[in-house]
Amino acid sequence: MAFAGMNYLSIVVAALAGFGVGAIWYMVLGTAWLDALGKTEDDIKGSGAAQAMPFIIALVADLVMAIMLAGLMGHLGDVSVRGGLISGFFIWVGFVITTMGVNHAFSGASPKLTAIDGGHWLAVLLVMGAIIGAFGV
């Protein structure tokens, strides 16, 4: 299922898997995450579209991330599970955790929040990289 040089099935599966990783991650670490935010469940509850919007944004972000990761892996030419894991890790170290660290430092966020959110994105990128590497680009 490759069109214009991309395997869209691998991208969609990787994006959905990344979204699933986030769901599991924050179900397990939800209480610690809220504590690190300094908020309660009542503080973050919305209604209707406002409650759904963060999930829609997360799904779109995961899709864009999977597309970019597939493009990068295809460009590098190392389309394998190992190559996907390495690419995902390097992207996380070089771009994700560094920008999160800066943003969280300037916003006064706790290091615990950076660790929880940063760990989430590392897990997402590793899973996406492995899936894209296994399916091909």
Protein backbone atom coordinates (compact mmCIF):
# COMPACT_ATOMS: atom_id res chain seq x y z
CA MET A 1 0.00 0.00 0.00
CA ALA A 2 2.65 2.52 -1.01
CA PHE A 3 1.71 5.75 -2.76
CA ALA A 4 4.17 8.43 -3.80
CA GLY A 5 6.97 6.60 -2.01
CA MET A 6 5.21 6.20 1.34
CA ASN A 7 3.56 3.21 2.94
CA TYR A 8 0.44 4.85 4.34
CA LEU A 9 -0.63 1.69 6.14
CA SER A 10 2.58 1.76 8.19
CA ILE A 11 2.01 5.45 8.93
CA VAL A 12 -1.59 4.96 10.08
CA VAL A 13 -0.71 1.90 12.18
CA ALA A 14 2.26 3.76 13.73
CA ALA A 15 0.11 6.81 14.49
CA LEU A 16 -2.64 4.72 16.09
CA ALA A 17 -0.06 2.76 18.08
CA GLY A 18 1.50 6.02 19.27
CA PHE A 19 -1.92 7.23 20.36
CA GLY A 20 -2.45 3.93 22.17
CA VAL A 21 0.90 4.26 23.92
CA GLY A 22 -0.21 7.67 25.16
CA ALA A 23 -3.51 6.30 26.42
CA ILE A 24 -1.78 3.53 28.37
CA TRP A 25 1.04 5.81 29.56
CA TYR A 26 -1.27 8.39 31.06
CA MET A 27 -3.71 5.82 32.48
CA VAL A 28 -0.80 4.32 34.39
CA LEU A 29 0.86 7.65 35.30
CA GLY A 30 -2.24 9.86 35.39
CA THR A 31 -2.17 10.52 39.12
CA ALA A 32 1.56 11.28 39.13
CA TRP A 33 1.10 13.49 36.03
CA LEU A 34 -1.69 15.50 37.67
CA ASP A 35 0.46 15.88 40.78
CA ALA A 36 3.39 17.08 38.66
CA LEU A 37 1.04 19.58 36.96
CA GLY A 38 -0.23 20.74 40.32
CA LYS A 39 -3.83 20.08 39.25
CA THR A 40 -6.74 17.85 40.12
CA GLU A 41 -9.05 15.90 37.81
CA ASP A 42 -11.72 18.56 38.34
CA ASP A 43 -9.26 21.25 37.17
CA ILE A 44 -8.81 19.62 33.77
CA LYS A 45 -12.35 18.42 33.10
CA GLY A 46 -14.09 20.08 30.21
CA SER A 47 -17.35 19.38 28.49
CA GLY A 48 -18.30 18.31 24.99
CA ALA A 49 -15.92 19.48 22.27
CA ALA A 50 -13.56 21.07 24.78
CA GLN A 51 -13.04 17.69 26.41
CA ALA A 52 -12.46 15.94 23.06
CA MET A 53 -10.14 18.55 21.55
CA PRO A 54 -6.90 17.46 23.29
CA PHE A 55 -7.48 13.91 22.03
CA ILE A 56 -8.09 15.11 18.47
CA ILE A 57 -4.94 17.24 18.61
CA ALA A 58 -2.97 14.27 19.98
CA LEU A 59 -4.18 11.97 17.19
CA VAL A 60 -3.33 14.52 14.49
CA ALA A 61 0.08 15.14 16.10
CA ASP A 62 0.77 11.40 16.17
CA LEU A 63 -0.16 11.16 12.49
CA VAL A 64 2.14 14.05 11.53
CA MET A 65 4.92 12.55 13.66
CA ALA A 66 4.54 9.16 11.95
CA ILE A 67 4.63 10.78 8.49
CA MET A 68 7.78 12.73 9.33
CA LEU A 69 9.47 9.72 10.91
CA ALA A 70 8.68 7.57 7.86
CA GLY A 71 10.00 10.29 5.57
CA LEU A 72 13.20 10.61 7.58
CA MET A 73 13.74 6.86 7.72
CA GLY A 74 13.16 6.57 3.98
CA HIS A 75 15.59 9.41 3.37
CA LEU A 76 18.23 7.81 5.57
CA GLY A 77 17.67 4.45 3.89
CA ASP A 78 17.69 2.39 7.09
CA VAL A 79 14.15 1.03 7.00
CA SER A 80 14.26 -1.73 9.58
CA VAL A 81 13.03 -2.21 13.12
CA ARG A 82 16.54 -1.42 14.39
CA GLY A 83 16.77 1.64 12.14
CA GLY A 84 13.35 2.81 13.33
CA LEU A 85 14.33 2.47 16.97
CA ILE A 86 17.57 4.36 16.39
CA SER A 87 15.84 7.09 14.37
CA GLY A 88 13.10 7.45 16.98
CA PHE A 89 15.64 7.70 19.78
CA PHE A 90 17.80 10.25 17.96
CA ILE A 91 14.78 12.41 17.15
CA TRP A 92 13.72 12.27 20.78
CA VAL A 93 17.18 13.21 22.09
CA GLY A 94 17.85 15.85 19.46
CA PHE A 95 14.49 17.56 19.22
CA VAL A 96 11.80 16.39 21.61
CA ILE A 97 13.35 16.19 25.07
CA THR A 98 15.58 19.18 24.40
CA THR A 99 12.68 21.47 23.46
CA MET A 100 10.54 20.09 26.26
CA GLY A 101 13.34 20.68 28.73
CA VAL A 102 13.71 24.30 27.67
CA ASN A 103 9.96 24.98 27.63
CA HIS A 104 9.41 23.29 30.98
CA ALA A 105 12.37 25.10 32.56
CA PHE A 106 11.10 28.51 31.47
CA SER A 107 7.50 27.73 32.45
CA GLY A 108 8.54 26.52 35.89
CA ALA A 109 7.26 22.97 35.33
CA SER A 110 8.56 20.33 37.67
CA PRO A 111 11.28 17.93 36.54
CA LYS A 112 8.78 15.16 37.32
CA LEU A 113 6.44 16.53 34.65
CA THR A 114 9.31 16.68 32.15
CA ALA A 115 10.22 13.08 32.95
CA ILE A 116 6.64 11.83 32.58
CA ASP A 117 5.88 13.73 29.36
CA GLY A 118 9.36 13.15 27.93
CA GLY A 119 9.15 9.44 28.67
CA HIS A 120 5.82 9.32 26.87
CA TRP A 121 7.28 10.82 23.70
CA LEU A 122 10.28 8.50 23.85
CA ALA A 123 7.97 5.49 24.05
CA VAL A 124 5.82 6.85 21.20
CA LEU A 125 8.79 7.46 18.90
CA LEU A 126 10.30 4.05 19.62
CA VAL A 127 7.02 2.26 18.92
CA MET A 128 6.42 4.29 15.76
CA GLY A 129 9.96 3.72 14.53
CA ALA A 130 9.73 -0.02 15.12
CA ILE A 131 6.38 -0.27 13.31
CA ILE A 132 7.48 1.83 10.35
CA GLY A 133 10.71 -0.15 10.17
CA ALA A 134 8.80 -3.44 10.20
CA PHE A 135 6.19 -2.38 7.63
CA GLY A 136 8.51 -0.33 5.43
CA VAL A 137 8.07 3.16 4.06
